N, C-alpha and C. Protein backbone atom coordinates (compact mmCIF):
# COMPACT_ATOMS: atom_id res chain seq x y z
N MET A 1 4.24 -53.78 3.96
CA MET A 1 5.40 -52.95 3.01
C MET A 1 5.30 -51.79 3.43
N ALA A 2 4.18 -51.76 2.32
CA ALA A 2 3.96 -50.38 1.93
C ALA A 2 3.04 -49.49 2.88
N LEU A 3 2.50 -49.71 4.04
CA LEU A 3 3.02 -49.46 5.06
C LEU A 3 3.74 -48.62 5.54
N PHE A 4 5.10 -49.61 5.50
CA PHE A 4 6.37 -48.73 6.20
C PHE A 4 6.92 -47.75 4.98
N ASN A 5 6.86 -47.98 4.19
CA ASN A 5 7.10 -47.22 2.73
C ASN A 5 6.37 -45.81 3.03
N LYS A 6 4.78 -45.57 3.61
CA LYS A 6 4.33 -44.27 3.98
C LYS A 6 4.39 -43.85 4.46
N LEU A 7 5.18 -44.59 6.01
CA LEU A 7 5.59 -43.90 6.90
C LEU A 7 7.34 -43.46 7.10
N LYS A 8 7.55 -44.16 6.00
CA LYS A 8 9.38 -43.40 5.73
C LYS A 8 9.14 -42.08 4.89
N THR A 9 8.17 -42.14 4.06
CA THR A 9 7.79 -40.75 3.58
C THR A 9 7.44 -39.55 4.07
N VAL A 10 6.49 -40.24 5.17
CA VAL A 10 5.73 -39.45 6.00
C VAL A 10 6.91 -38.36 6.87
N GLY A 11 7.37 -39.78 7.49
CA GLY A 11 9.10 -39.25 8.52
C GLY A 11 9.89 -37.97 7.70
N LYS A 12 10.08 -38.20 6.17
CA LYS A 12 11.06 -37.56 5.71
C LYS A 12 10.27 -36.30 5.57
N THR A 13 8.82 -35.91 5.18
CA THR A 13 8.37 -35.08 4.90
C THR A 13 8.33 -34.10 6.48
N LEU A 14 7.84 -34.83 7.47
CA LEU A 14 8.25 -34.54 8.44
C LEU A 14 9.47 -33.40 8.90
N GLY A 15 10.73 -33.99 8.56
CA GLY A 15 11.97 -33.33 8.91
C GLY A 15 12.33 -32.54 7.91
N LYS A 16 11.55 -32.26 6.78
CA LYS A 16 12.29 -31.03 5.86
C LYS A 16 11.34 -29.80 6.81
N THR A 17 10.05 -30.32 7.04
CA THR A 17 8.79 -29.28 7.60
C THR A 17 9.78 -28.77 8.68
N ALA A 18 10.32 -29.18 9.70
CA ALA A 18 11.01 -28.93 10.39
C ALA A 18 12.06 -28.00 10.34
N GLY A 19 12.92 -28.53 9.66
CA GLY A 19 14.49 -27.75 9.05
C GLY A 19 13.39 -26.15 8.39
N GLY A 20 12.70 -26.19 7.52
CA GLY A 20 12.15 -25.24 7.07
C GLY A 20 11.40 -23.96 7.91
N ILE A 21 11.02 -24.63 9.06
CA ILE A 21 10.21 -23.71 9.87
C ILE A 21 11.72 -23.16 10.49
N ALA A 22 12.30 -24.37 11.09
CA ALA A 22 14.01 -23.14 11.97
C ALA A 22 14.49 -22.13 11.29
N ASP A 23 14.50 -22.33 9.89
CA ASP A 23 15.56 -21.48 8.96
C ASP A 23 14.28 -20.02 8.66
N SER A 24 12.98 -20.53 9.07
CA SER A 24 11.92 -19.31 9.34
C SER A 24 11.93 -18.78 9.85
N ILE A 25 11.74 -18.84 11.18
CA ILE A 25 12.29 -18.43 12.33
C ILE A 25 13.29 -17.58 12.52
N SER A 26 14.78 -17.78 11.69
CA SER A 26 15.78 -17.39 11.69
C SER A 26 15.57 -16.14 10.75
N SER A 27 14.64 -16.34 9.67
CA SER A 27 14.65 -15.36 8.84
C SER A 27 13.99 -13.97 9.15
N ASN A 28 12.57 -14.73 9.65
CA ASN A 28 11.72 -13.99 10.66
C ASN A 28 12.21 -12.58 11.59
N MET A 29 12.85 -13.52 12.41
CA MET A 29 14.05 -12.44 13.53
C MET A 29 14.43 -11.81 12.61
N ALA A 30 15.39 -12.17 12.19
CA ALA A 30 16.49 -10.83 11.38
C ALA A 30 15.47 -9.48 10.74
N GLU A 31 14.36 -10.09 9.97
CA GLU A 31 13.59 -9.23 9.39
C GLU A 31 12.83 -8.20 10.34
N ALA A 32 12.63 -8.98 11.79
CA ALA A 32 11.95 -7.81 12.47
C ALA A 32 13.06 -7.21 12.96
N ASN A 33 14.31 -7.58 13.13
CA ASN A 33 15.20 -6.42 14.15
C ASN A 33 14.98 -5.18 12.91
N SER A 34 15.75 -5.88 11.68
CA SER A 34 15.82 -4.80 10.67
C SER A 34 14.13 -3.69 10.63
N LEU A 35 13.57 -4.31 10.70
CA LEU A 35 12.24 -3.34 10.93
C LEU A 35 12.32 -2.26 11.94
N ALA A 36 12.76 -2.76 13.35
CA ALA A 36 13.50 -2.36 14.51
C ALA A 36 14.03 -0.96 14.02
N VAL A 37 15.10 -0.90 13.48
CA VAL A 37 16.15 -0.39 13.35
C VAL A 37 15.44 0.58 12.25
N GLU A 38 14.17 0.83 11.67
CA GLU A 38 14.13 1.74 10.38
C GLU A 38 13.04 2.46 11.49
N LYS A 39 12.22 1.94 12.42
CA LYS A 39 11.16 2.34 12.86
C LYS A 39 11.88 3.49 13.87
N ILE A 40 13.10 2.78 14.57
CA ILE A 40 13.80 4.07 15.52
C ILE A 40 14.21 5.09 14.52
N LYS A 41 14.66 5.09 13.56
CA LYS A 41 15.13 6.33 12.76
C LYS A 41 14.12 7.18 12.65
N ILE A 42 13.08 6.61 12.08
CA ILE A 42 11.82 7.21 11.91
C ILE A 42 11.51 8.25 13.39
N SER A 43 11.59 7.58 14.29
CA SER A 43 11.30 8.22 15.80
C SER A 43 12.18 9.46 15.95
N LYS A 44 13.58 9.22 15.10
CA LYS A 44 14.62 10.06 15.28
C LYS A 44 14.13 11.73 14.33
N LEU A 45 13.79 11.27 13.40
CA LEU A 45 13.17 11.99 12.17
C LEU A 45 12.14 12.49 12.73
N GLU A 46 11.33 11.69 13.27
CA GLU A 46 9.89 12.68 13.68
C GLU A 46 10.65 13.36 14.90
N SER A 47 11.26 13.15 15.90
CA SER A 47 11.72 14.15 16.83
C SER A 47 12.14 15.36 16.39
N GLU A 48 13.15 15.37 15.67
CA GLU A 48 13.59 16.68 14.93
C GLU A 48 12.96 17.41 14.29
N LYS A 49 11.65 16.52 13.52
CA LYS A 49 11.00 17.68 12.55
C LYS A 49 10.20 18.46 13.92
N LYS A 50 9.92 17.55 14.91
CA LYS A 50 9.01 18.49 15.80
C LYS A 50 9.79 19.50 16.27
N GLY A 51 11.01 19.42 16.54
CA GLY A 51 11.94 20.92 17.15
C GLY A 51 12.35 21.53 16.03
N LEU A 52 12.06 21.38 14.92
CA LEU A 52 11.76 22.81 13.59
C LEU A 52 10.26 22.87 14.04
N ASP A 53 9.35 22.33 14.14
CA ASP A 53 7.94 22.91 13.75
C ASP A 53 8.02 23.43 15.20
N ASN A 54 8.35 23.40 16.42
CA ASN A 54 8.50 24.54 17.37
C ASN A 54 9.12 25.28 16.88
N GLU A 55 10.25 25.76 16.61
CA GLU A 55 10.95 26.86 16.08
C GLU A 55 10.53 27.62 14.83
N ILE A 56 9.71 26.90 13.92
CA ILE A 56 8.98 27.60 12.84
C ILE A 56 7.76 28.38 13.68
N ASN A 57 6.64 27.84 14.65
CA ASN A 57 5.80 27.92 14.92
C ASN A 57 6.39 29.53 15.88
N LEU A 58 7.56 29.63 16.44
CA LEU A 58 7.45 30.97 17.35
C LEU A 58 8.21 31.98 16.54
N ALA A 59 8.72 31.17 15.07
CA ALA A 59 9.03 32.76 14.36
C ALA A 59 8.08 32.96 13.62
N TYR A 60 6.80 31.96 13.22
CA TYR A 60 5.52 32.88 12.90
C TYR A 60 4.47 33.58 13.93
N MET A 61 4.81 33.17 15.01
CA MET A 61 4.51 34.45 16.45
C MET A 61 4.94 35.50 16.14
N GLN A 62 5.95 35.64 15.93
CA GLN A 62 7.25 36.71 15.98
C GLN A 62 6.52 37.61 14.73
N ILE A 63 6.29 37.01 13.43
CA ILE A 63 5.63 37.87 12.34
C ILE A 63 4.70 38.53 12.80
N GLY A 64 3.57 37.14 13.65
CA GLY A 64 2.25 37.33 13.63
C GLY A 64 2.31 39.19 15.20
N LYS A 65 3.20 38.96 15.80
CA LYS A 65 3.75 39.87 16.71
C LYS A 65 3.57 41.23 16.28
N LYS A 66 4.74 41.17 15.20
CA LYS A 66 5.01 42.60 14.48
C LYS A 66 4.14 43.06 13.65
N PHE A 67 3.37 42.19 13.09
CA PHE A 67 2.43 42.09 11.79
C PHE A 67 1.22 43.34 12.84
N VAL A 68 0.80 42.58 13.99
CA VAL A 68 0.04 43.32 14.78
C VAL A 68 0.40 44.76 15.20
N GLU A 69 1.42 45.10 15.85
CA GLU A 69 1.82 46.20 16.13
C GLU A 69 1.95 47.20 15.13
N VAL A 70 2.28 46.62 14.00
CA VAL A 70 2.62 48.14 13.25
C VAL A 70 1.13 48.05 12.76
N ALA A 71 0.27 47.38 12.56
CA ALA A 71 -0.95 47.45 11.79
C ALA A 71 -2.22 48.63 13.06
N ILE A 72 -1.65 48.08 14.44
CA ILE A 72 -2.16 48.92 15.29
C ILE A 72 -1.25 50.63 15.06
N GLU A 73 -0.20 50.67 15.55
CA GLU A 73 0.60 51.99 15.29
C GLU A 73 -0.08 52.69 13.80
N THR A 74 0.09 51.93 12.85
CA THR A 74 -0.37 52.80 11.18
C THR A 74 -1.95 52.73 11.07
N ASN A 75 -2.54 51.71 11.98
CA ASN A 75 -3.82 51.84 11.49
C ASN A 75 -3.83 51.19 9.58
N GLU A 76 -2.95 50.61 9.38
CA GLU A 76 -3.04 50.11 8.29
C GLU A 76 -1.70 48.74 8.07
N ILE A 77 -1.77 48.20 6.97
CA ILE A 77 -1.27 46.75 7.08
C ILE A 77 -0.34 47.16 5.84
N GLN A 78 0.98 46.67 6.01
CA GLN A 78 2.13 47.60 5.21
C GLN A 78 3.32 46.20 5.43
N ASP A 79 4.33 46.44 5.00
CA ASP A 79 5.50 45.82 5.25
C ASP A 79 5.95 46.50 6.56
N ILE A 80 6.17 45.16 7.09
CA ILE A 80 6.23 45.07 9.10
C ILE A 80 7.95 44.88 8.92
N GLY A 81 8.63 44.45 7.83
CA GLY A 81 9.75 43.72 8.26
C GLY A 81 9.94 42.81 8.72
N VAL A 82 9.71 42.14 8.27
CA VAL A 82 9.58 40.58 8.38
C VAL A 82 10.81 39.31 8.00
N MET A 83 11.13 40.47 6.84
CA MET A 83 12.51 39.63 5.70
C MET A 83 13.48 38.94 6.42
N ASP A 84 14.16 39.49 7.96
CA ASP A 84 15.25 38.61 8.31
C ASP A 84 14.52 37.32 9.02
N ILE A 85 13.26 37.96 9.72
CA ILE A 85 12.95 36.45 10.08
C ILE A 85 12.24 35.26 9.30
N LEU A 86 12.21 35.83 7.77
CA LEU A 86 11.86 34.86 7.01
C LEU A 86 12.48 33.75 6.34
N GLN A 87 14.16 34.72 6.22
CA GLN A 87 15.04 34.22 6.11
C GLN A 87 15.74 33.28 7.16
N MET A 88 15.26 33.75 8.41
CA MET A 88 15.84 32.33 9.07
C MET A 88 15.22 31.14 9.01
N LEU A 89 13.84 31.21 8.60
CA LEU A 89 13.13 30.28 8.24
C LEU A 89 12.70 29.62 7.02
N ASP A 90 13.87 30.28 6.26
CA ASP A 90 13.99 29.26 4.80
C ASP A 90 14.48 28.20 5.19
N PRO A 91 15.76 27.62 5.85
CA PRO A 91 16.79 26.54 5.63
C PRO A 91 15.68 25.72 6.97
N LYS A 92 15.36 26.25 7.59
CA LYS A 92 14.03 25.25 8.18
C LYS A 92 13.16 24.58 8.15
N LEU A 93 12.49 25.54 6.92
CA LEU A 93 11.52 24.81 6.37
C LEU A 93 11.37 23.71 4.96
N SER A 94 13.02 24.42 5.11
CA SER A 94 13.98 23.31 3.86
C SER A 94 13.90 22.25 4.49
N ARG A 95 14.35 22.27 5.49
CA ARG A 95 14.96 20.64 6.43
C ARG A 95 13.49 20.41 6.97
N LYS A 96 12.63 20.58 6.79
CA LYS A 96 11.32 20.00 7.34
C LYS A 96 10.73 18.89 6.33
N ARG A 97 10.94 19.77 5.20
CA ARG A 97 10.50 19.42 4.06
C ARG A 97 11.35 18.07 3.56
N GLU A 98 12.52 18.18 3.71
CA GLU A 98 13.56 17.11 3.55
C GLU A 98 13.26 16.18 4.55
N LEU A 99 12.82 16.47 5.81
CA LEU A 99 12.46 15.48 6.74
C LEU A 99 11.38 14.41 6.53
N GLU A 100 10.33 15.31 5.70
CA GLU A 100 9.36 14.83 5.87
C GLU A 100 9.30 13.61 4.52
N LYS A 101 10.10 13.75 3.59
CA LYS A 101 10.04 13.02 2.38
C LYS A 101 10.91 11.68 2.64
N GLU A 102 12.15 11.88 4.01
CA GLU A 102 12.73 11.07 4.37
C GLU A 102 11.95 9.93 5.44
N ILE A 103 10.84 10.33 5.98
CA ILE A 103 9.93 9.54 6.86
C ILE A 103 9.25 9.02 5.81
N ILE A 104 8.59 9.62 5.17
CA ILE A 104 7.65 8.43 4.01
C ILE A 104 9.17 7.45 3.30
N GLU A 105 9.55 8.20 2.82
CA GLU A 105 10.72 6.88 2.17
C GLU A 105 11.13 5.72 3.29
N ILE A 106 11.17 5.67 4.63
CA ILE A 106 11.72 4.91 5.41
C ILE A 106 10.19 3.78 5.58
N GLU A 107 9.18 4.99 5.52
CA GLU A 107 7.75 4.06 5.71
C GLU A 107 7.34 3.45 4.73
N LYS A 108 8.09 3.61 3.55
CA LYS A 108 7.46 3.25 2.44
C LYS A 108 8.44 1.63 2.58
N LYS A 109 9.76 1.99 3.05
CA LYS A 109 10.41 0.70 2.97
C LYS A 109 9.53 -0.48 4.09
N ILE A 110 9.41 0.35 5.24
CA ILE A 110 9.19 -0.37 6.30
C ILE A 110 7.85 -1.46 6.05
N LYS A 111 7.04 -0.76 5.07
CA LYS A 111 5.50 -1.35 4.47
C LYS A 111 6.09 -2.48 3.57
N ASP A 112 7.13 -2.28 2.42
CA ASP A 112 7.30 -3.59 1.62
C ASP A 112 8.12 -4.60 2.31
N GLN A 113 8.88 -4.36 3.76
CA GLN A 113 9.14 -5.57 4.46
C GLN A 113 8.27 -6.34 4.82
N GLN A 114 7.23 -5.24 5.47
CA GLN A 114 6.45 -6.28 6.30
C GLN A 114 5.18 -7.07 5.33
N ILE A 115 5.00 -6.56 3.91
CA ILE A 115 4.61 -7.33 2.54
C ILE A 115 5.23 -8.59 2.19
N ILE A 116 6.70 -8.64 2.55
CA ILE A 116 7.82 -9.65 2.03
C ILE A 116 7.53 -10.14 3.02
N GLN A 117 7.43 -10.25 4.29
CA GLN A 117 7.16 -11.35 5.84
C GLN A 117 5.78 -12.16 5.71
N GLU A 118 4.85 -10.65 5.32
CA GLU A 118 3.74 -11.44 5.17
C GLU A 118 3.36 -12.57 4.14
N LYS A 119 3.84 -12.25 2.88
CA LYS A 119 4.16 -13.03 1.83
C LYS A 119 4.82 -14.58 1.86
N SER A 120 5.60 -14.54 2.81
CA SER A 120 6.73 -15.25 3.45
C SER A 120 5.92 -16.44 4.27
N LYS A 121 5.46 -15.74 5.23
CA LYS A 121 3.96 -16.32 6.56
C LYS A 121 3.46 -16.89 5.31
N ILE A 122 2.53 -16.23 4.45
CA ILE A 122 1.72 -17.31 3.69
C ILE A 122 2.18 -18.35 2.89
N ASN A 123 3.08 -18.23 2.74
CA ASN A 123 3.88 -19.59 1.48
C ASN A 123 4.35 -20.67 2.57
N GLN A 124 4.80 -19.95 3.70
CA GLN A 124 5.03 -21.15 4.82
C GLN A 124 3.87 -21.94 5.04
N GLU A 125 3.00 -21.12 5.32
CA GLU A 125 1.83 -21.66 5.66
C GLU A 125 0.95 -22.69 4.78
N TYR A 126 1.06 -22.13 3.24
CA TYR A 126 0.86 -23.15 2.57
C TYR A 126 1.48 -24.24 2.56
N GLU A 127 3.21 -24.26 2.44
CA GLU A 127 3.90 -25.10 2.21
C GLU A 127 3.53 -26.39 3.53
N LEU A 128 3.25 -25.96 4.90
CA LEU A 128 2.87 -26.78 5.72
C LEU A 128 1.54 -27.55 5.77
N GLU A 129 0.40 -26.67 5.52
CA GLU A 129 -0.96 -27.28 4.94
C GLU A 129 -0.95 -28.41 3.64
N LYS A 130 0.21 -28.05 2.63
CA LYS A 130 0.37 -28.93 1.38
C LYS A 130 1.19 -30.18 1.87
N GLU A 131 1.99 -30.19 3.05
CA GLU A 131 2.68 -31.42 3.88
C GLU A 131 1.70 -31.74 4.72
N LYS A 132 0.59 -31.39 5.12
CA LYS A 132 -0.41 -31.76 5.89
C LYS A 132 -1.54 -32.47 5.08
N LEU A 133 -1.91 -31.95 4.57
CA LEU A 133 -2.62 -32.67 3.01
C LEU A 133 -2.15 -34.06 2.31
N GLU A 134 -0.55 -33.57 2.18
CA GLU A 134 -0.22 -34.94 1.49
C GLU A 134 0.17 -36.09 2.42
N LYS A 135 0.29 -36.11 3.84
CA LYS A 135 0.61 -36.49 4.52
C LYS A 135 -0.89 -37.66 4.79
N ALA A 136 -2.08 -36.72 5.10
CA ALA A 136 -3.64 -37.60 4.77
C ALA A 136 -3.95 -38.16 3.81
N PHE A 137 -3.38 -37.60 2.98
CA PHE A 137 -3.59 -38.27 1.46
C PHE A 137 -2.89 -39.41 1.40
N SER A 138 -1.77 -39.88 1.82
CA SER A 138 -0.77 -40.74 1.72
C SER A 138 -1.18 -41.80 2.41
N MET A 139 -1.79 -41.66 3.39
CA MET A 139 -2.57 -42.60 4.83
C MET A 139 -4.08 -43.10 4.69
N ASP A 140 -4.51 -42.39 3.38
CA ASP A 140 -5.86 -42.83 2.54
C ASP A 140 -6.64 -42.01 3.69
N ILE A 141 -6.57 -41.11 4.02
CA ILE A 141 -7.46 -39.89 5.30
C ILE A 141 -8.58 -39.27 4.32
N ILE A 142 -7.91 -38.83 3.29
CA ILE A 142 -8.69 -37.86 2.45
C ILE A 142 -8.55 -38.31 1.14
N THR A 143 -9.54 -37.76 -0.17
CA THR A 143 -9.58 -38.49 -1.46
C THR A 143 -8.50 -37.02 -1.98
N ARG A 144 -8.58 -37.72 -3.48
CA ARG A 144 -7.55 -37.02 -4.29
C ARG A 144 -8.53 -35.90 -4.52
N ASN A 145 -9.88 -35.70 -4.73
CA ASN A 145 -10.50 -34.79 -4.85
C ASN A 145 -10.35 -33.55 -3.52
N GLU A 146 -10.75 -34.22 -2.41
CA GLU A 146 -10.54 -33.65 -1.39
C GLU A 146 -9.40 -33.03 -1.10
N TYR A 147 -8.20 -33.48 -1.55
CA TYR A 147 -7.15 -32.63 -1.50
C TYR A 147 -6.92 -31.70 -2.40
N ASP A 148 -7.47 -32.08 -3.94
CA ASP A 148 -6.95 -30.71 -4.53
C ASP A 148 -7.91 -29.47 -4.22
N GLU A 149 -9.46 -29.84 -3.95
CA GLU A 149 -10.34 -28.72 -3.10
C GLU A 149 -9.27 -27.93 -2.27
N LYS A 150 -8.86 -28.69 -1.30
CA LYS A 150 -7.78 -27.67 0.21
C LYS A 150 -7.26 -26.75 -0.28
N LEU A 151 -6.11 -27.72 -1.73
CA LEU A 151 -4.72 -27.08 -2.03
C LEU A 151 -5.04 -26.37 -2.89
N SER A 152 -6.29 -25.89 -3.78
CA SER A 152 -6.94 -24.95 -4.23
C SER A 152 -7.12 -23.91 -3.74
N LEU A 153 -7.92 -24.08 -2.35
CA LEU A 153 -8.43 -23.30 -1.20
C LEU A 153 -7.41 -22.28 -1.07
N ILE A 154 -6.16 -23.09 -0.62
CA ILE A 154 -5.22 -22.48 0.13
C ILE A 154 -4.32 -21.88 -1.14
N SER A 155 -4.12 -21.87 -2.51
CA SER A 155 -3.61 -21.44 -3.36
C SER A 155 -4.22 -20.01 -3.27
N LYS A 156 -5.32 -19.86 -3.35
CA LYS A 156 -6.10 -18.69 -3.58
C LYS A 156 -5.95 -17.83 -3.06
N LYS A 157 -5.29 -18.12 -1.47
CA LYS A 157 -5.07 -16.98 -0.63
C LYS A 157 -3.53 -16.34 -1.10
N ILE A 158 -2.78 -17.32 -1.73
CA ILE A 158 -1.54 -16.76 -2.11
C ILE A 158 -1.77 -15.51 -3.53
N ASP A 159 -2.63 -16.52 -4.32
CA ASP A 159 -3.05 -15.72 -5.87
C ASP A 159 -3.76 -14.33 -5.20
N ASN A 160 -3.94 -14.17 -4.19
CA ASN A 160 -4.91 -12.72 -3.99
C ASN A 160 -4.48 -12.06 -2.95
N PHE A 161 -3.40 -12.61 -2.69
CA PHE A 161 -2.78 -12.04 -1.50
C PHE A 161 -2.42 -10.30 -1.60
N GLU A 162 -2.43 -9.30 -2.87
CA GLU A 162 -2.28 -8.20 -2.97
C GLU A 162 -3.73 -7.92 -2.42
N GLU A 163 -4.70 -8.29 -2.88
CA GLU A 163 -5.88 -7.83 -3.29
C GLU A 163 -6.89 -7.67 -1.61
N ILE A 164 -6.47 -9.30 -0.99
CA ILE A 164 -6.62 -9.34 0.43
C ILE A 164 -6.00 -8.25 1.72
N ARG A 165 -4.85 -8.03 1.32
CA ARG A 165 -3.86 -7.25 1.96
C ARG A 165 -4.87 -6.12 2.27
N ARG A 166 -5.00 -5.31 0.77
CA ARG A 166 -5.44 -4.20 0.23
C ARG A 166 -7.20 -3.84 1.03
N ILE A 167 -7.38 -5.03 0.82
CA ILE A 167 -9.41 -5.00 1.53
C ILE A 167 -8.57 -5.15 3.28
N GLU A 168 -7.68 -5.71 3.80
CA GLU A 168 -7.47 -5.35 5.41
C GLU A 168 -7.06 -3.82 5.71
N LYS A 169 -6.27 -3.56 4.94
CA LYS A 169 -5.79 -2.08 5.14
C LYS A 169 -7.04 -1.38 5.43
N GLN A 170 -7.66 -1.27 4.24
CA GLN A 170 -9.19 -0.73 4.12
C GLN A 170 -9.82 -0.52 5.68
N TYR A 171 -9.96 -2.34 5.98
CA TYR A 171 -10.70 -2.20 7.28
C TYR A 171 -10.18 -1.54 8.51
N GLU A 172 -8.97 -1.78 8.49
CA GLU A 172 -7.71 -1.14 9.22
C GLU A 172 -8.15 0.52 9.54
N MET A 173 -8.25 0.97 8.21
CA MET A 173 -8.09 2.34 8.33
C MET A 173 -9.65 2.95 8.71
N GLY A 174 -10.59 2.00 8.52
CA GLY A 174 -12.31 2.44 9.11
C GLY A 174 -12.89 2.64 7.80
N ILE A 175 -12.73 2.48 6.62
CA ILE A 175 -13.04 2.85 5.09
C ILE A 175 -13.94 1.84 4.70
N ILE A 176 -13.42 0.29 5.37
CA ILE A 176 -14.97 -0.36 5.64
C ILE A 176 -15.32 -0.90 6.50
N SER A 177 -16.37 -1.83 6.61
CA SER A 177 -16.88 -2.26 8.03
C SER A 177 -16.17 -3.76 8.07
N LEU A 178 -16.43 -4.89 9.45
CA LEU A 178 -16.01 -6.04 9.25
C LEU A 178 -16.95 -7.03 8.18
N LYS A 179 -18.18 -6.58 8.37
CA LYS A 179 -18.68 -7.31 7.49
C LYS A 179 -18.19 -7.22 6.09
N GLU A 180 -18.31 -5.82 5.45
CA GLU A 180 -17.65 -5.85 4.13
C GLU A 180 -16.15 -6.21 3.86
N LYS A 181 -15.43 -6.13 4.67
CA LYS A 181 -14.27 -7.03 4.57
C LYS A 181 -14.24 -8.60 4.13
N GLU A 182 -15.06 -8.70 5.43
CA GLU A 182 -15.63 -10.45 4.99
C GLU A 182 -15.94 -10.66 3.82
N ASP A 183 -16.95 -10.57 3.92
CA ASP A 183 -17.67 -10.63 2.32
C ASP A 183 -16.59 -10.53 1.06
N LYS A 184 -15.60 -9.15 1.51
CA LYS A 184 -14.86 -9.32 0.21
C LYS A 184 -14.12 -10.04 0.03
N ILE A 185 -13.42 -10.96 0.98
CA ILE A 185 -12.27 -11.57 1.21
C ILE A 185 -13.10 -13.05 0.79
N LYS A 186 -14.45 -13.23 1.27
CA LYS A 186 -15.05 -14.46 0.77
C LYS A 186 -15.02 -14.59 -0.89
N LYS A 187 -15.35 -13.68 -1.16
CA LYS A 187 -15.19 -13.53 -2.52
C LYS A 187 -14.21 -13.79 -3.29
N LEU A 188 -13.34 -14.10 -2.61
CA LEU A 188 -11.76 -14.00 -3.48
C LEU A 188 -11.41 -15.14 -3.26
N ILE A 189 -11.57 -15.79 -1.83
CA ILE A 189 -11.10 -17.61 -1.52
C ILE A 189 -12.13 -18.09 -1.71
């Protein structure tokens, strides 16, 4: 009878896990679509910014050409009448700054969404591992001490999520080596 009750408990746990996984997959797909939309926005903004950069660079070339022409003619450096070009450039430079700010904001939004996804994934892994450990404990495969140790190890990943993520980003950017990354993460968990 005790075995039947344990199997019944395990069955309920597995049912809850399957439902949770399905919900999680659906949620992750929606978040991925949202990220894709934001990345498309960034591409469009960067394309517009690149066009402005080209126009601005052409204006700079005109200014430089006029400057050189006047300097050669007069053999001195003076006002060369580029105010009309500078006035034309002003709205383009302003728009370029706006685009740069907008791109940064969208990139921050994407980063925040990625952090949320990563946290969600770690929490899901924690729940799955916890259920697996509960099942093993209820079937007398592991002791209470083993259960507590393993659960504590998984909890440390969640507790130190931000620091671990920061270390991984340092490695991705080439700031620290793989060994340094592994050593730092090992200290945290």
